[in-house]
Amino acid sequence: MEAPPNVVTSIMAMKILLSCLLFLCCFPDGWSRCSRSRPPKACGRTMTSNRGTFKSPGFPRPYLTAATHEDKVCTWLITLPYGQGIKLLLYGYDFAFERFRYTAYMDEVQVFRDEMCGEESRIRQYQGNDTEYDVIHIPSNTACIKFFRRTTQNHSHTGFSMSYEAVDDNGECGTNGSSISSQEGYIRSPGYPTASYPQHINCTWVIQAASSQTIQVDFLDFQLSYIYSCDFAPDFVQIGSTNRTYEFKYCDQDTPSTFTSKKNMVWLFFKTGRWRNRGFLAYYKASLLPAAYYLLLASLQTLIPEDFL
C-alpha cells in the first residue's frame, strides 16, 4: 500500500531540512569536520632520510583546528647520522589568530636545534603570516619542529610547508692534513653552540671543490674573545684561498663579510688563547664558475705563474 502524497512530501521535506542543517554545521571547516568519528591522520612524524618535506595538515587548504587536546601540538623530528647537519627551508607561512576577552591565541611554528624540543634549544618562532621563505641552519644531526594549534576556528589560514636536506657538519678541530670535499656544509668551532671553545687550540679546515668550482663561506654566528686590537688578539679566525697568505683576519664579535674563493680551495684557520667564548658557525657552498670566467682563468694560467692567481 502506497503512502499518501502528503506524507511522502513531508518525509522529503524533512530530509532536505536535515541535509541543509548538516551542510550549515559542516561548512566552516569542510566535510572532514563532520567525520571526526574516524581516526584522524597522524600529525607529525620522525624522519631519517637525507631530505624530505612536511607541512601543516591539509596544506595548501586551510588547516583544521585541533580535534582533541593531544592534537593541539604536531611534532616532527629529524634524525640523521652523526657528522651531518640540517638545512631547513620554510616556504612562507600563514597562521590563525584570535582574541578572547583579554587573552590572545596564536597558532605558530617553533624550531629547535635538537630532538629534545626544550625551550633552551629553540632557535626560531613564527607567528602571523609571511610570504618570504626562510633558511634555517642547524649544525646538529637532530632537529625538532612543533606546530601549535591554539585557535578554535580557522576558515582561511593555510599553515606552512617546509623541506630539509642533510649537509656536512664539521665540528671537530681540523688539521692541516684533513680536507673537506662536500659541496656544502657547516664548519664550527669545537663545542659550538652548546659550550665555549677550548683554550689554546689551533684548528685548520681545508675545503676542496672541483677545479671548475668556487666556494662561498658565510659566517652565521661569530663571537670571539677580544682585548683591544685584532692585531694582538689571542683568539682569531683567518680565511683565504691558500694558507701561505690568508686574505682576512677576524676577531671580536663582528660578523665577517661573505668570503668567496679565487679558486677551488678555502683555508680556514682558528686559534685561541687563554680566553673562552661562544665561538663561530660558518656555512660553505661550492658552485660552478661562470663559463666565461672559467675560460679566462684557464687562459691566464698558461701565461701567469699560479702563485699570482
Protein backbone atom coordinates (compact mmCIF):
# COMPACT_ATOMS: atom_id res chain seq x y z
CA MET A 1 0.00 0.00 0.00
CA GLU A 2 1.50 3.30 -1.05
CA ALA A 3 1.80 6.25 1.38
CA PRO A 4 -0.40 9.25 0.73
CA PRO A 5 1.24 12.00 -1.35
CA ASN A 6 1.19 14.46 1.54
CA VAL A 7 3.14 12.00 3.75
CA VAL A 8 5.79 11.45 1.05
CA THR A 9 6.11 15.19 0.62
CA SER A 10 6.59 15.67 4.37
CA ILE A 11 9.29 12.99 4.53
CA MET A 12 11.16 14.56 1.60
CA ALA A 13 10.93 18.00 3.22
CA MET A 14 12.38 16.62 6.46
CA LYS A 15 15.25 15.01 4.56
CA ILE A 16 16.02 18.27 2.77
CA LEU A 17 15.88 20.18 6.06
CA LEU A 18 18.24 17.73 7.77
CA SER A 19 20.65 17.92 4.81
CA CYS A 20 20.67 21.73 4.97
CA LEU A 21 21.32 21.70 8.71
CA LEU A 22 24.14 19.22 8.26
CA PHE A 23 25.69 21.35 5.49
CA LEU A 24 25.50 24.53 7.56
CA CYS A 25 27.09 22.73 10.50
CA CYS A 26 29.96 21.38 8.42
CA PHE A 27 30.55 24.32 6.11
CA PRO A 28 33.03 26.40 8.23
CA ASP A 29 35.70 23.69 8.33
CA GLY A 30 34.71 21.42 5.47
CA TRP A 31 33.24 17.94 5.39
CA SER A 32 36.13 16.50 7.40
CA ARG A 33 34.85 18.40 10.45
CA CYS A 34 31.81 16.10 10.33
CA SER A 35 33.97 12.99 10.13
CA ARG A 36 35.71 13.30 13.49
CA SER A 37 34.47 9.85 14.47
CA ARG A 38 37.05 8.42 12.07
CA PRO A 39 40.67 8.19 13.30
CA PRO A 40 42.47 11.45 12.29
CA LYS A 41 45.51 11.30 10.04
CA ALA A 42 48.74 11.39 12.03
CA CYS A 43 50.07 14.89 12.64
CA GLY A 44 53.88 14.89 12.82
CA ARG A 45 56.36 12.06 12.43
CA THR A 46 60.04 11.08 12.68
CA MET A 47 62.14 11.49 9.51
CA THR A 48 65.51 9.81 8.93
CA SER A 49 66.18 10.24 5.19
CA ASN A 50 68.71 12.74 3.79
CA ARG A 51 65.95 15.04 2.53
CA GLY A 52 62.23 15.39 2.97
CA THR A 53 59.18 17.65 3.13
CA PHE A 54 56.41 18.18 5.68
CA LYS A 55 53.52 20.59 6.05
CA SER A 56 50.57 21.55 8.17
CA PRO A 57 47.54 19.23 7.88
CA GLY A 58 45.57 19.96 4.71
CA PHE A 59 48.12 22.36 3.18
CA PRO A 60 47.62 24.30 0.90
CA ARG A 61 43.99 24.34 2.05
CA PRO A 62 43.14 25.93 5.42
CA TYR A 63 44.22 23.63 8.24
CA LEU A 64 41.69 22.24 10.69
CA THR A 65 41.69 23.33 14.30
CA ALA A 66 42.67 20.67 16.82
CA ALA A 67 40.03 17.99 17.46
CA THR A 68 41.46 16.92 20.83
CA HIS A 69 43.83 18.35 23.41
CA GLU A 70 46.58 15.96 22.26
CA ASP A 71 46.07 17.18 18.69
CA LYS A 72 46.95 20.79 19.55
CA VAL A 73 50.69 20.18 19.01
CA CYS A 74 52.12 18.45 15.93
CA THR A 75 55.76 17.38 16.28
CA TRP A 76 58.21 16.45 13.52
CA LEU A 77 61.61 15.02 14.48
CA ILE A 78 64.58 14.85 12.08
CA THR A 79 67.27 12.32 13.00
CA LEU A 80 70.37 11.91 10.80
CA PRO A 81 73.68 10.05 11.22
CA TYR A 82 76.41 11.70 13.30
CA GLY A 83 78.55 14.10 11.26
CA GLN A 84 75.61 15.55 9.34
CA GLY A 85 73.85 18.87 9.83
CA ILE A 86 70.41 20.03 8.76
CA LYS A 87 69.36 22.84 6.43
CA LEU A 88 65.67 23.72 6.78
CA LEU A 89 63.68 25.78 4.27
CA LEU A 90 60.38 27.40 5.26
CA TYR A 91 58.32 28.43 2.20
CA GLY A 92 56.26 31.16 3.85
CA TYR A 93 53.54 30.69 6.46
CA ASP A 94 50.01 31.81 7.32
CA PHE A 95 48.71 31.16 10.85
CA ALA A 96 45.40 31.96 12.53
CA PHE A 97 44.97 34.42 15.39
CA GLU A 98 42.05 35.10 17.69
CA ARG A 99 41.34 37.08 20.84
CA PHE A 100 39.03 36.06 23.66
CA ARG A 101 38.37 38.81 26.16
CA TYR A 102 41.87 39.92 27.22
CA THR A 103 43.76 36.84 26.00
CA ALA A 104 45.27 36.39 22.53
CA TYR A 105 45.62 32.93 20.99
CA MET A 106 48.10 32.48 18.15
CA ASP A 107 48.95 29.42 16.11
CA GLU A 108 52.67 29.13 15.45
CA VAL A 109 55.65 27.01 14.41
CA GLN A 110 58.73 26.63 16.60
CA VAL A 111 62.08 25.16 15.51
CA PHE A 112 64.57 23.53 17.91
CA ARG A 113 68.19 22.54 17.29
CA ASP A 114 67.89 19.07 18.89
CA GLU A 115 65.39 16.26 19.40
CA MET A 116 64.59 17.27 22.99
CA CYS A 117 62.43 20.23 21.85
CA GLY A 118 63.37 22.16 25.00
CA GLU A 119 62.95 25.89 25.48
CA GLU A 120 66.73 26.39 25.74
CA SER A 121 67.28 24.88 22.28
CA ARG A 122 64.60 26.88 20.43
CA ILE A 123 66.12 28.88 17.56
CA ARG A 124 63.06 30.08 15.57
CA GLN A 125 59.46 31.07 16.26
CA TYR A 126 56.95 32.01 13.52
CA GLN A 127 53.55 33.68 14.06
CA GLY A 128 51.19 35.62 11.82
CA ASN A 129 51.97 35.38 8.11
CA ASP A 130 54.81 35.99 5.69
CA THR A 131 55.28 35.03 2.06
CA GLU A 132 59.09 35.14 2.10
CA TYR A 133 61.00 31.88 2.51
CA ASP A 134 63.50 31.44 5.31
CA VAL A 135 66.59 29.24 5.55
CA ILE A 136 67.32 27.77 8.99
CA HIS A 137 70.81 26.35 9.59
CA ILE A 138 71.11 23.67 12.26
CA PRO A 139 74.67 22.37 12.93
CA SER A 140 73.35 19.19 14.51
CA ASN A 141 72.19 15.79 13.29
CA THR A 142 68.82 16.16 15.06
CA ALA A 143 66.09 18.80 14.96
CA CYS A 144 62.54 19.27 16.22
CA ILE A 145 59.71 21.26 14.63
CA LYS A 146 56.46 21.89 16.50
CA PHE A 147 53.18 23.26 15.12
CA PHE A 148 50.90 24.70 17.83
CA ARG A 149 47.16 24.93 17.00
CA ARG A 150 45.69 27.08 19.78
CA THR A 151 42.82 28.78 17.95
CA THR A 152 39.28 27.34 17.87
CA GLN A 153 38.31 28.43 14.34
CA ASN A 154 40.16 28.71 11.05
CA HIS A 155 38.46 29.42 7.74
CA SER A 156 41.26 30.86 5.58
CA HIS A 157 44.76 30.38 7.02
CA THR A 158 46.77 27.77 5.11
CA GLY A 159 49.56 26.96 7.60
CA PHE A 160 53.06 26.18 6.33
CA SER A 161 55.25 23.99 4.17
CA MET A 162 58.88 23.07 4.94
CA SER A 163 61.64 20.93 3.49
CA TYR A 164 65.03 19.85 4.76
CA GLU A 165 68.26 18.37 3.46
CA ALA A 166 71.33 16.88 5.07
CA VAL A 167 74.68 18.71 4.78
CA ASP A 168 78.11 18.01 6.26
CA ASP A 169 78.74 19.17 9.83
CA ASN A 170 82.39 19.73 10.73
CA GLY A 171 82.64 20.43 14.45
CA GLU A 172 85.92 18.72 15.23
CA CYS A 173 89.15 20.71 15.28
CA GLY A 174 90.64 20.36 11.81
CA THR A 175 94.28 19.65 10.99
CA ASN A 176 96.46 20.54 8.01
CA GLY A 177 96.16 17.02 6.70
CA SER A 178 92.35 16.87 6.67
CA SER A 179 90.31 18.03 3.69
CA ILE A 180 86.58 18.66 3.25
CA SER A 181 85.28 17.71 -0.18
CA SER A 182 81.50 18.03 0.25
CA GLN A 183 79.53 20.56 -1.80
CA GLU A 184 78.06 22.33 1.21
CA GLY A 185 78.04 22.15 4.97
CA TYR A 186 78.94 23.76 8.27
CA ILE A 187 82.25 24.49 9.96
CA ARG A 188 82.01 25.41 13.63
CA SER A 189 84.35 25.96 16.50
CA PRO A 190 84.67 22.96 18.85
CA GLY A 191 81.82 22.97 21.37
CA TYR A 192 79.56 25.31 19.39
CA PRO A 193 76.71 26.06 20.11
CA THR A 194 76.25 24.37 23.49
CA ALA A 195 79.68 25.10 25.02
CA SER A 196 82.53 27.61 24.76
CA TYR A 197 85.52 26.70 22.64
CA PRO A 198 88.60 25.23 24.40
CA GLN A 199 91.71 27.22 25.29
CA HIS A 200 94.99 27.10 23.36
CA ILE A 201 93.89 25.27 20.22
CA ASN A 202 94.93 25.60 16.57
CA CYS A 203 92.40 24.31 14.05
CA THR A 204 92.68 24.27 10.26
CA TRP A 205 89.92 23.29 7.88
CA VAL A 206 90.60 22.91 4.14
CA ILE A 207 87.62 22.91 1.76
CA GLN A 208 88.43 21.38 -1.63
CA ALA A 209 85.98 21.69 -4.53
CA ALA A 210 86.17 20.63 -8.17
CA SER A 211 88.52 22.60 -10.43
CA SER A 212 85.55 24.25 -12.18
CA GLN A 213 84.05 25.48 -8.91
CA THR A 214 84.45 28.32 -6.44
CA ILE A 215 83.49 28.30 -2.76
CA GLN A 216 81.45 30.81 -0.80
CA VAL A 217 81.66 30.99 3.01
CA ASP A 218 79.11 32.84 5.16
CA PHE A 219 79.64 33.30 8.89
CA LEU A 220 76.24 32.85 10.54
CA ASP A 221 77.42 33.46 14.10
CA PHE A 222 80.72 34.90 15.35
CA GLN A 223 81.60 35.57 19.00
CA LEU A 224 85.29 35.51 19.97
CA SER A 225 87.13 36.95 22.95
CA TYR A 226 88.79 40.33 22.44
CA ILE A 227 91.35 42.51 24.20
CA TYR A 228 91.95 45.85 22.47
CA SER A 229 93.34 45.20 18.99
CA CYS A 230 92.76 42.47 16.42
CA ASP A 231 96.49 42.53 15.66
CA PHE A 232 97.22 41.22 19.16
CA ALA A 233 94.02 39.24 19.80
CA PRO A 234 94.68 35.77 21.26
CA ASP A 235 91.51 34.38 19.60
CA PHE A 236 91.06 34.91 15.88
CA VAL A 237 89.98 33.38 12.57
CA GLN A 238 91.88 33.64 9.29
CA ILE A 239 90.47 32.72 5.89
CA GLY A 240 91.91 32.65 2.39
CA SER A 241 92.28 30.75 -0.84
CA THR A 242 95.72 29.50 0.29
CA ASN A 243 97.47 29.01 3.63
CA ARG A 244 100.56 30.93 2.51
CA THR A 245 98.89 34.32 2.76
CA TYR A 246 95.48 34.35 4.42
CA GLU A 247 93.43 37.17 2.94
CA PHE A 248 91.38 38.13 6.02
CA LYS A 249 91.74 38.01 9.79
CA TYR A 250 88.75 38.36 12.13
CA CYS A 251 88.37 38.67 15.88
CA ASP A 252 85.99 40.19 18.46
CA GLN A 253 82.24 39.75 17.80
CA ASP A 254 81.78 41.49 14.45
CA THR A 255 80.38 39.01 11.92
CA PRO A 256 82.81 38.71 8.98
CA SER A 257 81.70 39.53 5.45
CA THR A 258 80.92 36.79 2.95
CA PHE A 259 84.10 35.25 1.55
CA THR A 260 84.33 33.88 -2.00
CA SER A 261 87.41 31.93 -3.00
CA LYS A 262 89.51 32.89 -6.01
CA LYS A 263 89.91 29.26 -6.98
CA ASN A 264 88.50 25.93 -5.82
CA MET A 265 90.01 25.88 -2.32
CA VAL A 266 89.43 27.62 1.01
CA TRP A 267 91.66 27.52 4.08
CA LEU A 268 90.11 28.40 7.45
CA PHE A 269 92.36 28.76 10.50
CA PHE A 270 91.14 29.20 14.10
CA LYS A 271 93.46 29.97 17.04
CA THR A 272 92.58 30.52 20.70
CA GLY A 273 94.50 31.71 23.75
CA ARG A 274 93.58 31.62 27.41
CA TRP A 275 90.10 33.14 26.94
CA ARG A 276 86.89 31.36 26.00
CA ASN A 277 83.68 32.39 24.26
CA ARG A 278 80.74 31.06 22.23
CA GLY A 279 82.74 30.62 19.03
CA PHE A 280 81.56 30.69 15.40
CA LEU A 281 79.40 28.93 12.85
CA ALA A 282 80.18 29.13 9.12
CA TYR A 283 78.22 27.79 6.15
CA TYR A 284 80.06 26.94 2.93
CA LYS A 285 78.75 26.04 -0.52
CA ALA A 286 80.57 25.22 -3.75
CA SER A 287 79.19 26.39 -7.07
CA LEU A 288 80.24 26.36 -10.71
CA LEU A 289 82.28 29.25 -12.00
CA PRO A 290 80.64 31.29 -14.77
CA ALA A 291 81.70 29.79 -18.10
CA ALA A 292 83.36 33.00 -19.32
CA TYR A 293 85.33 33.40 -16.11
CA TYR A 294 86.44 29.77 -16.19
CA LEU A 295 87.73 30.12 -19.76
CA LEU A 296 89.54 33.35 -18.88
CA LEU A 297 91.14 31.75 -15.83
CA ALA A 298 92.28 28.77 -17.88
CA SER A 299 93.91 31.05 -20.44
CA LEU A 300 95.61 33.15 -17.75
CA GLN A 301 97.07 30.05 -16.11
CA THR A 302 99.06 29.41 -19.27
CA LEU A 303 100.57 32.90 -19.16
CA ILE A 304 100.91 33.81 -15.47
CA PRO A 305 102.52 31.78 -12.68
CA GLU A 306 99.98 30.07 -10.45
CA ASP A 307 101.09 31.94 -7.32
CA PHE A 308 99.78 35.21 -8.80
CA LEU A 309 96.25 33.88 -9.49
